[in-house]
Amino acid sequence: MATNEELTLSQVVDAVPEDVFYAFATAQGWRDWLCDSARFEARAGGSYQLAWANGWYATGTVHKLVKPEKVIFTWFGKDDPGPTEVTVKLKSKGKGTQVELRHSGFGQGEDWEKCLEDTRKGWQEGMENLESIFSTGKDLRIVRRPMLGISSNIFNEEVADELGVPVTKGVRIDQPLEGMGAKRAGLQSDDVIVEMCGQAIEGGADFITALQGKQAGDVIPIAFYRGPEKISVDMELSSRPIEEFPLDPVAMAKRIRDIDAEIIQELSELLEGVSETEVEYISSPEAWSVKETLAHLITSEQFYQSNIVELICDAQRDFTSGYDNVRAQLKAVLKVTPTVPELIDRLKACKEETATLLELAEELKARKGVLWGFYFEVQTFPGFHERAHMEQMKASIEAARKG
């Protein structure tokens, strides 16, 4: 049994202390390697909260910050018997940093024994990931996470009514990805996932909880609505395909430009000779016209640009999956950019702005994990987002021609 024991962990990180310090002194830094949501007041006497998608959290008070050498704070995790204290020290070691983490103040008894072991496991996994994001950039939480193989789309009461689905909470599939578990299990576009592994799925964050402890290759039960019919199937979880890409802003910008050039060319060819009636056709209240879809691609680029600025400022928003498409914003884009040629030119310019902003993001050069996370988010499947919408455009044009 623990008797006022403490944990001591040490890890060499491939970055100088000035660059590692942010991982322990900013909300974004904590999210990058340890938790899913964070608030952190970087001052003596400031408070902080770290939270995980599975419902666990830790909170406390910052006692001391000495940049780039030391951070000391109290720690009180969900269901812990009492508060403890964490001291993090950073020291130069060769071209890297020796990170020493001491977690002290554990008491006696069975509750403290469990707390000590759970805490040890959490810090060990976290420190391993800290080393990874600074050496290779890879977030091990993502690399090791099994995958369904879907992209999602808006789901609300209006969409549920349009699709004839008798629920208003769930995850609506935009496209199942070729060669992955969902596609092989027979899931289709507009299916609405409502259960997985016996747990209710009301939004994307619920996937994380449902897949806790699962690995690629595991077979899990999944339930979804296809219109009014509820269907249950077994689905094999897929491994996560991760493209190797350069962890340098300039090289990454070049890679993105190459992909974007292909997209613009394909869009231009798709929309050549299409009439004004066809590009403004809306098949249903929740569907987008071709023009609105182009406007959506433009606002997506604006979102990516905001994301880069947040990363530069160590202020990335939590849970960006809550971001939704607002039709008023699409209409505003069309008010200023009313024709297809203008929309394509604006999309091309926006994509160039995104690449240029990334290229100029000097602050991110030492943040391999941040660059890896950004590229993974927007280019896991290069061009997939745009090409999925191109398929929607084709369907809309064909429907318009059929009258």
Protein backbone atom coordinates (compact mmCIF):
# COMPACT_ATOMS: atom_id res chain seq x y z
CA MET A 1 0.00 0.00 0.00
CA ALA A 2 1.14 3.52 -0.76
CA THR A 3 2.59 5.48 2.14
CA ASN A 4 3.05 9.10 1.06
CA GLU A 5 4.64 7.80 -2.12
CA GLU A 6 5.52 9.80 -5.17
CA LEU A 7 5.98 9.16 -8.87
CA THR A 8 9.10 10.26 -10.70
CA LEU A 9 9.33 10.06 -14.49
CA SER A 10 12.07 11.24 -16.80
CA GLN A 11 12.00 11.67 -20.57
CA VAL A 12 14.42 13.17 -23.09
CA VAL A 13 12.60 15.28 -25.68
CA ASP A 14 13.99 16.31 -29.07
CA ALA A 15 13.59 20.08 -28.63
CA VAL A 16 15.13 22.87 -26.58
CA PRO A 17 13.53 23.83 -23.21
CA GLU A 18 12.13 27.08 -24.66
CA ASP A 19 10.06 25.01 -27.12
CA VAL A 20 9.08 22.26 -24.68
CA PHE A 21 7.89 24.71 -22.02
CA TYR A 22 4.67 25.48 -23.94
CA ALA A 23 3.57 21.84 -23.47
CA PHE A 24 3.27 22.47 -19.72
CA ALA A 25 2.29 26.14 -19.67
CA THR A 26 -0.46 26.61 -22.28
CA ALA A 27 -3.88 25.06 -22.81
CA GLN A 28 -2.96 24.07 -26.35
CA GLY A 29 0.30 22.55 -25.15
CA TRP A 30 -1.50 20.23 -22.73
CA ARG A 31 -4.00 19.19 -25.41
CA ASP A 32 -1.22 18.43 -27.87
CA TRP A 33 0.11 15.50 -25.86
CA LEU A 34 -2.06 14.63 -22.86
CA CYS A 35 -5.74 15.62 -22.76
CA ASP A 36 -8.66 16.46 -25.06
CA SER A 37 -9.72 19.77 -23.55
CA ALA A 38 -7.81 22.28 -21.45
CA ARG A 39 -7.85 25.67 -19.78
CA PHE A 40 -4.62 26.88 -18.21
CA GLU A 41 -3.87 30.24 -16.58
CA ALA A 42 -0.11 30.59 -16.92
CA ARG A 43 0.56 32.54 -13.72
CA ALA A 44 1.19 31.82 -10.07
CA GLY A 45 -2.22 31.51 -8.44
CA GLY A 46 -3.92 30.73 -11.75
CA SER A 47 -6.28 27.80 -12.09
CA TYR A 48 -6.41 25.07 -14.71
CA GLN A 49 -8.69 22.28 -15.87
CA LEU A 50 -7.71 19.33 -18.06
CA ALA A 51 -10.43 17.05 -19.42
CA TRP A 52 -10.68 13.86 -21.46
CA ALA A 53 -13.45 12.75 -23.82
CA ASN A 54 -14.15 9.72 -21.61
CA GLY A 55 -15.38 12.02 -18.82
CA TRP A 56 -12.24 12.07 -16.66
CA TYR A 57 -10.73 15.39 -15.59
CA ALA A 58 -8.11 16.99 -13.37
CA THR A 59 -8.02 20.46 -11.90
CA GLY A 60 -5.84 22.54 -9.60
CA THR A 61 -3.88 25.72 -8.99
CA VAL A 62 -0.64 26.83 -10.59
CA HIS A 63 1.94 27.54 -7.88
CA LYS A 64 5.02 28.50 -9.86
CA LEU A 65 6.18 29.09 -13.45
CA VAL A 66 9.79 29.82 -14.30
CA LYS A 67 10.18 29.91 -18.07
CA PRO A 68 11.66 27.69 -19.46
CA GLU A 69 12.74 25.71 -16.40
CA LYS A 70 9.91 24.80 -14.06
CA VAL A 71 6.15 24.47 -13.58
CA ILE A 72 4.58 23.49 -10.22
CA PHE A 73 0.86 22.93 -9.69
CA THR A 74 -1.61 21.06 -7.50
CA TRP A 75 -3.48 18.12 -9.02
CA PHE A 76 -6.93 16.81 -8.14
CA GLY A 77 -8.28 14.18 -10.52
CA LYS A 78 -11.86 12.93 -10.76
CA ASP A 79 -12.46 10.44 -7.91
CA ASP A 80 -8.98 11.03 -6.39
CA PRO A 81 -9.01 10.70 -2.58
CA GLY A 82 -7.41 14.14 -2.25
CA PRO A 83 -5.17 16.72 -3.93
CA THR A 84 -1.54 16.03 -4.82
CA GLU A 85 1.26 18.12 -6.35
CA VAL A 86 3.14 17.97 -9.66
CA THR A 87 6.56 19.50 -10.32
CA VAL A 88 7.95 19.61 -13.86
CA LYS A 89 11.59 20.57 -14.45
CA LEU A 90 13.15 21.15 -17.87
CA LYS A 91 16.93 21.02 -18.40
CA SER A 92 19.02 21.19 -21.55
CA LYS A 93 20.55 17.87 -22.56
CA GLY A 94 22.62 17.96 -25.73
CA LYS A 95 20.34 19.36 -28.43
CA GLY A 96 17.24 18.32 -26.51
CA THR A 97 15.55 18.62 -23.13
CA GLN A 98 15.48 16.39 -20.08
CA VAL A 99 11.92 16.46 -18.73
CA GLU A 100 11.63 15.42 -15.11
CA LEU A 101 8.13 15.06 -13.68
CA ARG A 102 7.58 14.42 -9.97
CA HIS A 103 4.05 13.75 -8.70
CA SER A 104 3.94 13.70 -4.90
CA GLY A 105 1.55 13.68 -1.97
CA PHE A 106 -0.14 10.30 -2.37
CA GLY A 107 -1.59 9.05 0.90
CA GLN A 108 -2.29 5.65 2.43
CA GLY A 109 -5.04 3.10 1.83
CA GLU A 110 -6.61 1.17 -1.03
CA ASP A 111 -8.11 4.27 -2.67
CA TRP A 112 -4.70 5.92 -2.78
CA GLU A 113 -3.12 2.70 -4.07
CA LYS A 114 -5.49 2.69 -7.06
CA CYS A 115 -5.01 6.43 -7.57
CA LEU A 116 -1.22 5.96 -7.62
CA GLU A 117 -1.33 3.17 -10.21
CA ASP A 118 -3.85 4.95 -12.47
CA THR A 119 -1.80 8.13 -12.26
CA ARG A 120 1.42 6.26 -13.07
CA LYS A 121 -0.15 4.74 -16.17
CA GLY A 122 -1.53 8.08 -17.33
CA TRP A 123 1.78 9.92 -16.99
CA GLN A 124 3.75 7.09 -18.62
CA GLU A 125 1.51 7.11 -21.69
CA GLY A 126 1.55 10.89 -21.75
CA MET A 127 5.34 11.19 -21.51
CA GLU A 128 5.72 8.66 -24.32
CA ASN A 129 3.44 10.82 -26.46
CA LEU A 130 5.31 13.99 -25.43
CA GLU A 131 8.50 12.48 -26.80
CA SER A 132 6.72 11.42 -29.99
CA ILE A 133 5.21 14.79 -30.88
CA PHE A 134 8.61 16.47 -30.58
CA SER A 135 10.62 13.78 -32.39
CA THR A 136 8.31 12.52 -35.17
CA GLY A 137 5.33 14.82 -34.74
CA LYS A 138 2.96 11.85 -34.48
CA ASP A 139 0.24 11.96 -31.84
CA LEU A 140 0.23 8.37 -30.59
CA ARG A 141 -3.36 8.76 -29.39
CA ILE A 142 -4.37 9.16 -33.05
CA VAL A 143 -1.88 6.72 -34.55
CA ARG A 144 -3.03 3.91 -32.25
CA ARG A 145 -6.74 4.70 -32.45
CA PRO A 146 -8.84 2.31 -34.58
CA MET A 147 -10.94 3.83 -37.31
CA LEU A 148 -14.47 3.37 -38.65
CA GLY A 149 -13.68 4.73 -42.09
CA ILE A 150 -16.33 7.43 -42.54
CA SER A 151 -16.66 11.15 -43.04
CA SER A 152 -19.62 12.80 -41.32
CA ASN A 153 -22.21 15.37 -42.34
CA ILE A 154 -24.71 17.68 -40.63
CA PHE A 155 -27.44 15.96 -38.63
CA ASN A 156 -30.27 17.84 -36.94
CA GLU A 157 -34.06 17.75 -36.71
CA GLU A 158 -34.53 19.10 -40.24
CA VAL A 159 -32.12 16.55 -41.74
CA ALA A 160 -33.71 13.73 -39.72
CA ASP A 161 -37.12 14.69 -41.10
CA GLU A 162 -35.75 14.88 -44.64
CA LEU A 163 -34.17 11.42 -44.36
CA GLY A 164 -37.14 9.88 -42.54
CA VAL A 165 -34.98 8.97 -39.54
CA PRO A 166 -36.96 8.71 -36.26
CA VAL A 167 -34.17 10.17 -34.06
CA THR A 168 -32.47 13.57 -33.92
CA LYS A 169 -29.19 12.53 -32.25
CA GLY A 170 -26.50 10.49 -33.97
CA VAL A 171 -23.72 10.72 -36.53
CA ARG A 172 -24.78 10.97 -40.16
CA ILE A 173 -22.40 9.42 -42.67
CA ASP A 174 -21.34 11.66 -45.52
CA GLN A 175 -19.20 9.04 -47.25
CA PRO A 176 -17.87 5.63 -46.17
CA LEU A 177 -14.22 5.35 -47.19
CA GLU A 178 -13.20 2.71 -49.71
CA GLY A 179 -11.45 -0.36 -48.30
CA MET A 180 -12.28 0.42 -44.68
CA GLY A 181 -14.50 -1.20 -42.04
CA ALA A 182 -17.70 0.83 -42.49
CA LYS A 183 -17.76 0.33 -46.26
CA ARG A 184 -17.08 -3.40 -45.92
CA ALA A 185 -19.90 -3.69 -43.37
CA GLY A 186 -22.34 -2.16 -45.86
CA LEU A 187 -22.81 1.30 -44.38
CA GLN A 188 -23.86 3.99 -46.86
CA SER A 189 -24.11 7.74 -47.23
CA ASP A 190 -26.90 9.23 -45.06
CA ASP A 191 -26.96 6.27 -42.66
CA VAL A 192 -27.16 7.64 -39.10
CA ILE A 193 -25.06 5.80 -36.50
CA VAL A 194 -26.81 5.68 -33.10
CA GLU A 195 -25.09 2.85 -31.18
CA MET A 196 -21.63 1.32 -31.00
CA CYS A 197 -20.29 -1.32 -28.61
CA GLY A 198 -23.55 -1.06 -26.65
CA GLN A 199 -23.15 2.70 -26.09
CA ALA A 200 -25.36 5.46 -27.45
CA ILE A 201 -23.80 7.64 -30.15
CA GLU A 202 -25.21 11.16 -30.15
CA GLY A 203 -22.22 12.96 -31.65
CA GLY A 204 -18.67 12.46 -32.86
CA ALA A 205 -17.14 12.69 -29.38
CA ASP A 206 -19.05 9.55 -28.34
CA PHE A 207 -16.95 7.48 -30.75
CA ILE A 208 -13.89 8.10 -28.56
CA THR A 209 -15.62 6.73 -25.47
CA ALA A 210 -17.13 3.76 -27.31
CA LEU A 211 -13.77 2.76 -28.79
CA GLN A 212 -11.82 2.93 -25.51
CA GLY A 213 -9.56 -0.14 -25.36
CA LYS A 214 -10.38 -1.23 -28.92
CA GLN A 215 -7.75 -1.95 -31.58
CA ALA A 216 -7.68 -2.23 -35.35
CA GLY A 217 -8.95 -5.68 -36.32
CA ASP A 218 -11.46 -5.89 -33.45
CA VAL A 219 -15.03 -6.65 -34.53
CA ILE A 220 -17.66 -4.50 -32.83
CA PRO A 221 -21.48 -4.23 -32.95
CA ILE A 222 -22.86 -1.06 -34.52
CA ALA A 223 -26.45 0.12 -35.04
CA PHE A 224 -27.66 2.77 -37.46
CA TYR A 225 -30.79 4.09 -39.11
CA ARG A 226 -31.26 3.93 -42.85
CA GLY A 227 -34.38 6.02 -43.18
CA PRO A 228 -36.94 4.64 -40.70
CA GLU A 229 -35.25 1.23 -40.47
CA LYS A 230 -32.83 0.47 -37.64
CA ILE A 231 -30.08 -1.92 -38.74
CA SER A 232 -27.51 -3.72 -36.59
CA VAL A 233 -24.30 -5.20 -38.02
CA ASP A 234 -20.87 -6.31 -36.87
CA MET A 235 -18.03 -4.18 -38.20
CA GLU A 236 -14.28 -4.72 -38.22
CA LEU A 237 -12.31 -1.69 -37.07
CA SER A 238 -9.69 -0.51 -39.53
CA SER A 239 -6.14 0.59 -38.91
CA ARG A 240 -5.56 4.27 -39.51
CA PRO A 241 -3.86 5.02 -42.84
CA ILE A 242 -1.41 7.84 -42.26
CA GLU A 243 0.46 9.37 -45.14
CA GLU A 244 4.07 10.34 -44.49
CA PHE A 245 4.43 14.06 -45.02
CA PRO A 246 7.03 16.76 -44.36
CA LEU A 247 7.03 18.36 -40.91
CA ASP A 248 8.18 21.72 -42.17
CA PRO A 249 5.79 24.60 -42.93
CA VAL A 250 7.37 25.41 -46.31
CA ALA A 251 7.52 21.82 -47.54
CA MET A 252 4.02 21.15 -46.21
CA ALA A 253 2.68 24.22 -48.02
CA LYS A 254 4.18 22.94 -51.28
CA ARG A 255 2.51 19.53 -50.78
CA ILE A 256 -0.84 21.23 -50.15
CA ARG A 257 -0.43 23.42 -53.24
CA ASP A 258 0.17 20.35 -55.42
CA ILE A 259 -3.04 18.73 -54.15
CA ASP A 260 -5.01 21.97 -54.50
CA ALA A 261 -3.90 22.43 -58.11
CA GLU A 262 -5.42 19.04 -58.97
CA ILE A 263 -8.65 19.96 -57.18
CA ILE A 264 -9.06 23.30 -58.96
CA GLN A 265 -8.42 21.64 -62.33
CA GLU A 266 -11.02 18.93 -61.65
CA LEU A 267 -13.57 21.50 -60.46
CA SER A 268 -13.04 23.67 -63.53
CA GLU A 269 -13.53 20.69 -65.85
CA LEU A 270 -16.63 19.52 -63.96
CA LEU A 271 -18.35 22.91 -64.17
CA GLU A 272 -17.34 23.91 -67.69
CA GLY A 273 -20.47 24.64 -69.75
CA VAL A 274 -22.90 24.09 -66.85
CA SER A 275 -25.85 26.48 -67.02
CA GLU A 276 -26.87 29.04 -64.41
CA THR A 277 -30.10 27.13 -63.79
CA GLU A 278 -28.16 23.94 -63.12
CA VAL A 279 -25.67 25.51 -60.66
CA GLU A 280 -28.50 27.15 -58.68
CA TYR A 281 -30.71 24.04 -58.53
CA ILE A 282 -31.59 22.84 -55.00
CA SER A 283 -33.13 19.37 -54.83
CA SER A 284 -34.45 19.65 -51.26
CA PRO A 285 -34.53 22.20 -48.40
CA GLU A 286 -31.41 20.72 -46.78
CA ALA A 287 -29.45 20.18 -50.01
CA TRP A 288 -26.92 22.66 -51.35
CA SER A 289 -26.80 24.03 -54.85
CA VAL A 290 -23.54 23.75 -56.79
CA LYS A 291 -22.83 27.40 -55.95
CA GLU A 292 -23.48 26.85 -52.25
CA THR A 293 -21.17 23.85 -52.29
CA LEU A 294 -18.41 26.00 -53.80
CA ALA A 295 -19.11 28.60 -51.11
CA HIS A 296 -18.75 25.85 -48.48
CA LEU A 297 -15.32 24.91 -49.87
CA ILE A 298 -14.32 28.58 -49.57
CA THR A 299 -15.49 28.83 -45.94
CA SER A 300 -13.64 25.60 -45.20
CA GLU A 301 -10.41 27.25 -46.32
CA GLN A 302 -11.20 30.23 -44.10
CA PHE A 303 -11.67 27.80 -41.20
CA TYR A 304 -8.26 26.22 -41.91
CA GLN A 305 -6.67 29.67 -41.91
CA SER A 306 -8.26 30.50 -38.55
CA ASN A 307 -6.97 27.17 -37.27
CA ILE A 308 -3.39 28.03 -38.30
CA VAL A 309 -3.61 31.41 -36.55
CA GLU A 310 -4.89 29.69 -33.40
CA LEU A 311 -1.96 27.27 -33.53
CA ILE A 312 0.52 30.14 -33.88
CA CYS A 313 -1.05 31.81 -30.82
CA ASP A 314 -1.18 28.56 -28.77
CA ALA A 315 -4.95 29.06 -28.66
CA GLN A 316 -6.55 26.29 -30.71
CA ARG A 317 -10.23 25.76 -29.89
CA ASP A 318 -11.38 22.65 -28.08
CA PHE A 319 -13.62 20.15 -29.85
CA THR A 320 -13.72 21.79 -33.29
CA SER A 321 -16.03 18.97 -34.38
CA GLY A 322 -18.81 21.14 -32.97
CA TYR A 323 -18.30 23.54 -35.88
CA ASP A 324 -21.31 23.56 -38.18
CA ASN A 325 -22.11 24.91 -41.63
CA VAL A 326 -24.22 28.06 -41.53
CA ARG A 327 -26.28 28.69 -44.64
CA ALA A 328 -26.26 32.44 -44.03
CA GLN A 329 -22.47 32.37 -44.39
CA LEU A 330 -22.76 30.55 -47.71
CA LYS A 331 -25.29 33.13 -48.90
CA ALA A 332 -22.93 35.92 -47.85
CA VAL A 333 -20.14 34.39 -49.96
CA LEU A 334 -22.51 34.17 -52.94
CA LYS A 335 -23.65 37.76 -52.45
CA VAL A 336 -20.07 38.94 -52.92
CA THR A 337 -19.03 36.23 -55.40
CA PRO A 338 -22.14 35.45 -57.50
CA THR A 339 -20.81 33.50 -60.50
CA VAL A 340 -19.14 30.11 -60.82
CA PRO A 341 -15.94 31.52 -62.41
CA GLU A 342 -15.67 34.05 -59.56
CA LEU A 343 -16.26 31.32 -56.98
CA ILE A 344 -13.57 29.08 -58.47
CA ASP A 345 -11.14 32.00 -58.61
CA ARG A 346 -11.94 32.88 -55.00
CA LEU A 347 -11.51 29.25 -53.90
CA LYS A 348 -8.17 29.12 -55.69
CA ALA A 349 -7.09 32.35 -53.98
CA CYS A 350 -8.27 31.10 -50.57
CA LYS A 351 -6.33 27.88 -50.99
CA GLU A 352 -3.23 29.88 -51.88
CA GLU A 353 -3.77 32.05 -48.79
CA THR A 354 -3.93 28.91 -46.63
CA ALA A 355 -0.68 27.57 -48.09
CA THR A 356 1.04 30.96 -47.81
CA LEU A 357 -0.07 31.43 -44.19
CA LEU A 358 1.30 28.00 -43.31
CA GLU A 359 4.53 28.81 -45.17
CA LEU A 360 4.96 31.99 -43.11
CA ALA A 361 4.18 30.34 -39.77
CA GLU A 362 7.72 30.56 -38.38
CA GLU A 363 6.42 29.92 -34.86
CA LEU A 364 5.40 26.39 -35.83
CA LYS A 365 8.77 25.20 -37.14
CA ALA A 366 9.75 23.73 -33.78
CA ARG A 367 6.28 22.30 -33.14
CA LYS A 368 6.36 19.04 -35.08
CA GLY A 369 3.33 17.73 -33.21
CA VAL A 370 1.30 20.83 -34.06
CA LEU A 371 2.22 20.59 -37.76
CA TRP A 372 1.50 16.86 -37.83
CA GLY A 373 -1.89 17.40 -36.17
CA PHE A 374 -2.86 20.17 -38.60
CA TYR A 375 -1.89 18.19 -41.68
CA PHE A 376 -3.56 15.05 -40.36
CA GLU A 377 -6.78 16.98 -39.78
CA VAL A 378 -7.01 18.55 -43.23
CA GLN A 379 -5.14 16.11 -45.47
CA THR A 380 -5.47 12.60 -44.00
CA PHE A 381 -7.12 11.66 -47.29
CA PRO A 382 -5.75 14.27 -49.73
CA GLY A 383 -8.55 15.91 -51.69
CA PHE A 384 -11.23 13.63 -50.19
CA HIS A 385 -13.35 16.49 -48.83
CA GLU A 386 -13.43 18.37 -52.13
CA ARG A 387 -13.94 15.26 -54.26
CA ALA A 388 -16.82 14.09 -52.05
CA HIS A 389 -18.51 17.43 -52.68
CA MET A 390 -17.77 17.15 -56.38
CA GLU A 391 -19.81 13.95 -56.41
CA GLN A 392 -22.64 15.89 -54.78
CA MET A 393 -22.30 18.58 -57.46
CA LYS A 394 -22.52 15.95 -60.21
CA ALA A 395 -25.68 14.51 -58.66
CA SER A 396 -27.22 17.99 -58.34
CA ILE A 397 -26.45 18.85 -61.98
CA GLU A 398 -27.92 15.54 -63.18
CA ALA A 399 -31.05 16.10 -61.10
CA ALA A 400 -31.43 19.61 -62.53
CA ARG A 401 -31.15 18.29 -66.09
CA LYS A 402 -33.82 15.68 -65.43
CA GLY A 403 -36.10 18.47 -64.26
